[in-house]
Amino acid sequence: RPQFDDSGVACIFVQDSKKNFYKKFLYEPFPVESSLHMQLENHFNAEIVAGTIKSKEEAMKYLSYTYLYRRLHQNPAYYELKDAEFKTIDDYLSELFEKSMKELSLSYCINMDDDFNVEPTSLGRLASYYYLSHKTIRLVRDHIKNDSTIRDILGILCNSDEYSELPVRHNEDLQNQDLEKELPWS
């Protein structure tokens, strides 16, 4: 409680059989890897909307300042690279950029010319402003029609990417099944 205390104590209660396992995490360094490469499209979209990235060159410079870049040099095998040579890493990052731009283009979030200059679209701006995944933007753009019903729109919203990682709490699945029996739509 920073506003009330200048120190604190944390207690970890574990079974005796797990004691050494948790001690290891406390006293030995544990490498943490980057997951940026798995969600790069949304980060790129935000930077394109902000004006930080307008070209492939600026995107590559942006990537060179990330934790991902540092880890590529330290642990290339984790990212399925054969070595940590500059060219290998540069090719990998270039491939990540091109894949990300293709996905953002398919989601109607950016426009890109042949020289890899990029600019945001109005849908890209909406995604960035409301912290929406480019996949949600694509889903809405591809499926909402002028004659969509409330049921259609609810189905689209339920399939939004933002819900894919929401965990169901303990026994909440049972409550959801009970609630589902009373709902008019599956």
C-alpha atoms as a PDB file:
ATOM      1  CA  ARG A   1       0.000   0.000   0.000  1.00  0.00           C
ATOM      2  CA  PRO A   2       2.292   2.767  -1.247  1.00  0.00           C
ATOM      3  CA  GLN A   3       0.246   5.599   0.209  1.00  0.00           C
ATOM      4  CA  PHE A   4       0.275   4.050   3.719  1.00  0.00           C
ATOM      5  CA  ASP A   5       3.367   1.847   4.085  1.00  0.00           C
ATOM      6  CA  ASP A   6       7.009   1.929   2.996  1.00  0.00           C
ATOM      7  CA  SER A   7       7.489  -1.857   3.212  1.00  0.00           C
ATOM      8  CA  GLY A   8       5.521  -5.064   3.109  1.00  0.00           C
ATOM      9  CA  VAL A   9       5.723  -8.807   3.640  1.00  0.00           C
ATOM     10  CA  ALA A  10       4.593 -11.571   1.306  1.00  0.00           C
ATOM     11  CA  CYS A  11       4.039 -15.112   2.550  1.00  0.00           C
ATOM     12  CA  ILE A  12       3.837 -18.085   0.226  1.00  0.00           C
ATOM     13  CA  PHE A  13       2.218 -21.171   1.691  1.00  0.00           C
ATOM     14  CA  VAL A  14       2.921 -24.401  -0.166  1.00  0.00           C
ATOM     15  CA  GLN A  15       2.967 -28.098   0.472  1.00  0.00           C
ATOM     16  CA  ASP A  16       6.324 -29.295   1.770  1.00  0.00           C
ATOM     17  CA  SER A  17       6.866 -31.287  -1.428  1.00  0.00           C
ATOM     18  CA  LYS A  18       6.693 -28.053  -3.494  1.00  0.00           C
ATOM     19  CA  LYS A  19       8.914 -25.968  -1.200  1.00  0.00           C
ATOM     20  CA  ASN A  20      12.145 -26.431  -3.185  1.00  0.00           C
ATOM     21  CA  PHE A  21      10.355 -25.759  -6.457  1.00  0.00           C
ATOM     22  CA  TYR A  22       9.199 -22.315  -5.258  1.00  0.00           C
ATOM     23  CA  LYS A  23      12.543 -21.529  -3.605  1.00  0.00           C
ATOM     24  CA  LYS A  24      14.174 -22.011  -6.977  1.00  0.00           C
ATOM     25  CA  PHE A  25      11.991 -19.244  -8.457  1.00  0.00           C
ATOM     26  CA  LEU A  26      12.859 -16.914  -5.587  1.00  0.00           C
ATOM     27  CA  TYR A  27      16.628 -17.369  -5.573  1.00  0.00           C
ATOM     28  CA  GLU A  28      17.660 -18.410  -9.086  1.00  0.00           C
ATOM     29  CA  PRO A  29      17.361 -16.290 -12.217  1.00  0.00           C
ATOM     30  CA  PHE A  30      14.612 -17.438 -14.528  1.00  0.00           C
ATOM     31  CA  PRO A  31      14.750 -16.280 -18.159  1.00  0.00           C
ATOM     32  CA  VAL A  32      11.618 -14.562 -19.401  1.00  0.00           C
ATOM     33  CA  GLU A  33      10.950 -14.623 -23.126  1.00  0.00           C
ATOM     34  CA  SER A  34       9.081 -12.089 -25.221  1.00  0.00           C
ATOM     35  CA  SER A  35       5.620 -12.759 -26.606  1.00  0.00           C
ATOM     36  CA  LEU A  36       5.537  -9.622 -28.759  1.00  0.00           C
ATOM     37  CA  HIS A  37       5.936 -11.645 -31.948  1.00  0.00           C
ATOM     38  CA  MET A  38       2.633 -13.415 -31.197  1.00  0.00           C
ATOM     39  CA  GLN A  39       0.627 -10.196 -31.021  1.00  0.00           C
ATOM     40  CA  LEU A  40       2.664  -7.815 -33.109  1.00  0.00           C
ATOM     41  CA  GLU A  41      -0.161  -6.783 -35.458  1.00  0.00           C
ATOM     42  CA  ASN A  42      -2.071  -4.870 -32.759  1.00  0.00           C
ATOM     43  CA  HIS A  43       1.113  -3.184 -31.509  1.00  0.00           C
ATOM     44  CA  PHE A  44       2.045  -2.168 -35.043  1.00  0.00           C
ATOM     45  CA  ASN A  45      -1.468  -0.843 -35.656  1.00  0.00           C
ATOM     46  CA  ALA A  46      -1.263   1.361 -32.551  1.00  0.00           C
ATOM     47  CA  GLU A  47       2.136   2.708 -33.593  1.00  0.00           C
ATOM     48  CA  ILE A  48       0.959   3.344 -37.161  1.00  0.00           C
ATOM     49  CA  VAL A  49      -2.074   5.247 -35.858  1.00  0.00           C
ATOM     50  CA  ALA A  50       0.171   7.232 -33.483  1.00  0.00           C
ATOM     51  CA  GLY A  51       2.451   8.119 -36.400  1.00  0.00           C
ATOM     52  CA  THR A  52       5.493   6.382 -34.916  1.00  0.00           C
ATOM     53  CA  ILE A  53       5.651   3.913 -37.804  1.00  0.00           C
ATOM     54  CA  LYS A  54       5.118   5.093 -41.381  1.00  0.00           C
ATOM     55  CA  SER A  55       7.430   2.712 -43.235  1.00  0.00           C
ATOM     56  CA  LYS A  56       9.173  -0.633 -43.036  1.00  0.00           C
ATOM     57  CA  GLU A  57      12.390   1.133 -42.066  1.00  0.00           C
ATOM     58  CA  GLU A  58      10.701   2.804 -39.067  1.00  0.00           C
ATOM     59  CA  ALA A  59       9.089  -0.511 -38.085  1.00  0.00           C
ATOM     60  CA  MET A  60      12.460  -2.254 -38.112  1.00  0.00           C
ATOM     61  CA  LYS A  61      13.946   0.532 -35.996  1.00  0.00           C
ATOM     62  CA  TYR A  62      10.982   0.245 -33.600  1.00  0.00           C
ATOM     63  CA  LEU A  63      11.553  -3.514 -33.266  1.00  0.00           C
ATOM     64  CA  SER A  64      15.252  -2.973 -32.533  1.00  0.00           C
ATOM     65  CA  TYR A  65      14.275  -1.210 -29.281  1.00  0.00           C
ATOM     66  CA  THR A  66      12.075  -4.029 -27.993  1.00  0.00           C
ATOM     67  CA  TYR A  67      12.666  -6.788 -25.493  1.00  0.00           C
ATOM     68  CA  LEU A  68      11.961  -9.232 -28.336  1.00  0.00           C
ATOM     69  CA  TYR A  69      15.037  -7.964 -30.161  1.00  0.00           C
ATOM     70  CA  ARG A  70      17.212  -8.513 -27.076  1.00  0.00           C
ATOM     71  CA  ARG A  71      15.877 -12.034 -26.558  1.00  0.00           C
ATOM     72  CA  LEU A  72      16.397 -12.969 -30.214  1.00  0.00           C
ATOM     73  CA  HIS A  73      20.116 -12.421 -29.649  1.00  0.00           C
ATOM     74  CA  GLN A  74      20.161 -14.237 -26.304  1.00  0.00           C
ATOM     75  CA  ASN A  75      17.968 -17.238 -27.117  1.00  0.00           C
ATOM     76  CA  PRO A  76      17.436 -17.626 -30.882  1.00  0.00           C
ATOM     77  CA  ALA A  77      16.353 -21.275 -30.591  1.00  0.00           C
ATOM     78  CA  TYR A  78      13.278 -20.283 -28.581  1.00  0.00           C
ATOM     79  CA  TYR A  79      12.120 -18.195 -31.559  1.00  0.00           C
ATOM     80  CA  GLU A  80      13.025 -21.008 -33.972  1.00  0.00           C
ATOM     81  CA  LEU A  81      16.038 -19.213 -35.425  1.00  0.00           C
ATOM     82  CA  LYS A  82      19.110 -21.189 -36.449  1.00  0.00           C
ATOM     83  CA  ASP A  83      21.546 -18.617 -35.011  1.00  0.00           C
ATOM     84  CA  ALA A  84      21.852 -15.098 -33.609  1.00  0.00           C
ATOM     85  CA  GLU A  85      23.603 -13.614 -36.617  1.00  0.00           C
ATOM     86  CA  PHE A  86      22.510 -10.096 -37.576  1.00  0.00           C
ATOM     87  CA  LYS A  87      21.215 -11.205 -40.999  1.00  0.00           C
ATOM     88  CA  THR A  88      19.180 -14.057 -39.523  1.00  0.00           C
ATOM     89  CA  ILE A  89      17.535 -11.747 -37.008  1.00  0.00           C
ATOM     90  CA  ASP A  90      17.002  -9.011 -39.592  1.00  0.00           C
ATOM     91  CA  ASP A  91      15.349 -11.492 -41.983  1.00  0.00           C
ATOM     92  CA  TYR A  92      13.149 -12.788 -39.161  1.00  0.00           C
ATOM     93  CA  LEU A  93      12.037  -9.281 -38.175  1.00  0.00           C
ATOM     94  CA  SER A  94      11.433  -8.376 -41.812  1.00  0.00           C
ATOM     95  CA  GLU A  95       9.252 -11.458 -42.190  1.00  0.00           C
ATOM     96  CA  LEU A  96       7.356 -10.515 -39.013  1.00  0.00           C
ATOM     97  CA  PHE A  97       6.771  -7.018 -40.399  1.00  0.00           C
ATOM     98  CA  GLU A  98       5.493  -8.243 -43.754  1.00  0.00           C
ATOM     99  CA  LYS A  99       3.234 -10.858 -42.160  1.00  0.00           C
ATOM    100  CA  SER A 100       1.846  -8.267 -39.743  1.00  0.00           C
ATOM    101  CA  MET A 101       1.199  -5.740 -42.501  1.00  0.00           C
ATOM    102  CA  LYS A 102      -0.588  -8.376 -44.569  1.00  0.00           C
ATOM    103  CA  GLU A 103      -2.831  -9.220 -41.600  1.00  0.00           C
ATOM    104  CA  LEU A 104      -3.537  -5.547 -40.881  1.00  0.00           C
ATOM    105  CA  SER A 105      -4.376  -4.984 -44.552  1.00  0.00           C
ATOM    106  CA  LEU A 106      -6.760  -7.968 -44.523  1.00  0.00           C
ATOM    107  CA  SER A 107      -8.375  -6.435 -41.434  1.00  0.00           C
ATOM    108  CA  TYR A 108      -8.815  -3.074 -43.217  1.00  0.00           C
ATOM    109  CA  CYS A 109      -6.677  -1.311 -40.579  1.00  0.00           C
ATOM    110  CA  ILE A 110      -3.917   0.015 -42.863  1.00  0.00           C
ATOM    111  CA  ASN A 111      -3.099   0.929 -46.425  1.00  0.00           C
ATOM    112  CA  MET A 112       0.367   0.010 -47.678  1.00  0.00           C
ATOM    113  CA  ASP A 113       2.065   0.891 -50.937  1.00  0.00           C
ATOM    114  CA  ASP A 114       4.654  -1.112 -52.903  1.00  0.00           C
ATOM    115  CA  ASP A 115       7.517   0.608 -51.051  1.00  0.00           C
ATOM    116  CA  PHE A 116       6.146  -0.594 -47.674  1.00  0.00           C
ATOM    117  CA  ASN A 117       4.948   2.861 -46.632  1.00  0.00           C
ATOM    118  CA  VAL A 118       1.926   2.490 -44.357  1.00  0.00           C
ATOM    119  CA  GLU A 119      -0.917   4.699 -43.207  1.00  0.00           C
ATOM    120  CA  PRO A 120      -3.867   3.950 -40.935  1.00  0.00           C
ATOM    121  CA  THR A 121      -7.455   3.668 -42.096  1.00  0.00           C
ATOM    122  CA  SER A 122     -10.454   4.837 -40.109  1.00  0.00           C
ATOM    123  CA  LEU A 123     -10.972   1.229 -38.948  1.00  0.00           C
ATOM    124  CA  GLY A 124      -7.342   1.049 -37.821  1.00  0.00           C
ATOM    125  CA  ARG A 125      -7.861   4.235 -35.825  1.00  0.00           C
ATOM    126  CA  LEU A 126     -10.997   2.785 -34.212  1.00  0.00           C
ATOM    127  CA  ALA A 127      -9.143  -0.392 -33.276  1.00  0.00           C
ATOM    128  CA  SER A 128      -6.324   1.587 -31.686  1.00  0.00           C
ATOM    129  CA  TYR A 129      -8.579   4.071 -29.893  1.00  0.00           C
ATOM    130  CA  TYR A 130     -10.812   1.394 -28.359  1.00  0.00           C
ATOM    131  CA  TYR A 131      -8.035  -1.213 -27.835  1.00  0.00           C
ATOM    132  CA  LEU A 132      -9.728  -3.657 -30.198  1.00  0.00           C
ATOM    133  CA  SER A 133      -7.921  -6.475 -31.930  1.00  0.00           C
ATOM    134  CA  HIS A 134      -7.526  -6.160 -35.672  1.00  0.00           C
ATOM    135  CA  LYS A 135      -9.225  -9.577 -35.818  1.00  0.00           C
ATOM    136  CA  THR A 136     -12.350  -8.099 -34.231  1.00  0.00           C
ATOM    137  CA  ILE A 137     -12.329  -5.259 -36.757  1.00  0.00           C
ATOM    138  CA  ARG A 138     -12.095  -7.811 -39.573  1.00  0.00           C
ATOM    139  CA  LEU A 139     -14.903  -9.911 -38.085  1.00  0.00           C
ATOM    140  CA  VAL A 140     -17.224  -6.920 -37.749  1.00  0.00           C
ATOM    141  CA  ARG A 141     -16.348  -5.552 -41.201  1.00  0.00           C
ATOM    142  CA  ASP A 142     -16.862  -8.922 -42.878  1.00  0.00           C
ATOM    143  CA  HIS A 143     -20.076  -9.969 -41.110  1.00  0.00           C
ATOM    144  CA  ILE A 144     -22.220  -6.980 -40.175  1.00  0.00           C
ATOM    145  CA  LYS A 145     -24.709  -6.191 -42.908  1.00  0.00           C
ATOM    146  CA  ASN A 146     -27.412  -3.541 -43.245  1.00  0.00           C
ATOM    147  CA  ASP A 147     -30.051  -6.168 -42.496  1.00  0.00           C
ATOM    148  CA  SER A 148     -28.218  -7.790 -39.526  1.00  0.00           C
ATOM    149  CA  THR A 149     -30.521  -8.711 -36.690  1.00  0.00           C
ATOM    150  CA  ILE A 150     -29.802  -8.278 -32.983  1.00  0.00           C
ATOM    151  CA  ARG A 151     -29.093 -12.018 -32.876  1.00  0.00           C
ATOM    152  CA  ASP A 152     -26.583 -11.657 -35.739  1.00  0.00           C
ATOM    153  CA  ILE A 153     -24.834  -8.749 -34.017  1.00  0.00           C
ATOM    154  CA  LEU A 154     -24.697 -10.561 -30.663  1.00  0.00           C
ATOM    155  CA  GLY A 155     -23.176 -13.571 -32.439  1.00  0.00           C
ATOM    156  CA  ILE A 156     -20.506 -11.363 -33.981  1.00  0.00           C
ATOM    157  CA  LEU A 157     -19.736  -9.708 -30.640  1.00  0.00           C
ATOM    158  CA  CYS A 158     -19.510 -13.095 -28.910  1.00  0.00           C
ATOM    159  CA  ASN A 159     -16.969 -14.237 -31.493  1.00  0.00           C
ATOM    160  CA  SER A 160     -14.761 -11.175 -30.973  1.00  0.00           C
ATOM    161  CA  ASP A 161     -11.100 -11.906 -30.399  1.00  0.00           C
ATOM    162  CA  GLU A 162     -11.147 -10.068 -27.055  1.00  0.00           C
ATOM    163  CA  TYR A 163     -13.239 -12.866 -25.532  1.00  0.00           C
ATOM    164  CA  SER A 164     -10.920 -15.663 -26.663  1.00  0.00           C
ATOM    165  CA  GLU A 165      -8.619 -15.305 -23.659  1.00  0.00           C
ATOM    166  CA  LEU A 166     -11.198 -14.693 -20.927  1.00  0.00           C
ATOM    167  CA  PRO A 167     -10.931 -17.541 -18.466  1.00  0.00           C
ATOM    168  CA  VAL A 168     -13.992 -19.165 -16.951  1.00  0.00           C
ATOM    169  CA  ARG A 169     -13.729 -19.130 -13.183  1.00  0.00           C
ATOM    170  CA  HIS A 170     -14.163 -22.242 -11.064  1.00  0.00           C
ATOM    171  CA  ASN A 171     -17.736 -23.576 -11.371  1.00  0.00           C
ATOM    172  CA  GLU A 172     -18.725 -20.628 -13.557  1.00  0.00           C
ATOM    173  CA  ASP A 173     -19.193 -23.028 -16.460  1.00  0.00           C
ATOM    174  CA  LEU A 174     -21.968 -24.729 -14.480  1.00  0.00           C
ATOM    175  CA  GLN A 175     -23.673 -21.392 -13.855  1.00  0.00           C
ATOM    176  CA  ASN A 176     -23.346 -20.565 -17.549  1.00  0.00           C
ATOM    177  CA  GLN A 177     -25.002 -23.876 -18.478  1.00  0.00           C
ATOM    178  CA  ASP A 178     -27.910 -23.127 -16.130  1.00  0.00           C
ATOM    179  CA  LEU A 179     -28.265 -19.629 -17.552  1.00  0.00           C
ATOM    180  CA  GLU A 180     -28.056 -20.934 -21.123  1.00  0.00           C
ATOM    181  CA  LYS A 181     -31.206 -23.050 -20.587  1.00  0.00           C
ATOM    182  CA  GLU A 182     -33.200 -19.844 -20.017  1.00  0.00           C
ATOM    183  CA  LEU A 183     -31.875 -17.878 -23.002  1.00  0.00           C
ATOM    184  CA  PRO A 184     -33.790 -17.622 -26.283  1.00  0.00           C
ATOM    185  CA  TRP A 185     -30.661 -18.069 -28.451  1.00  0.00           C
ATOM    186  CA  SER A 186     -27.841 -20.584 -28.237  1.00  0.00           C
END
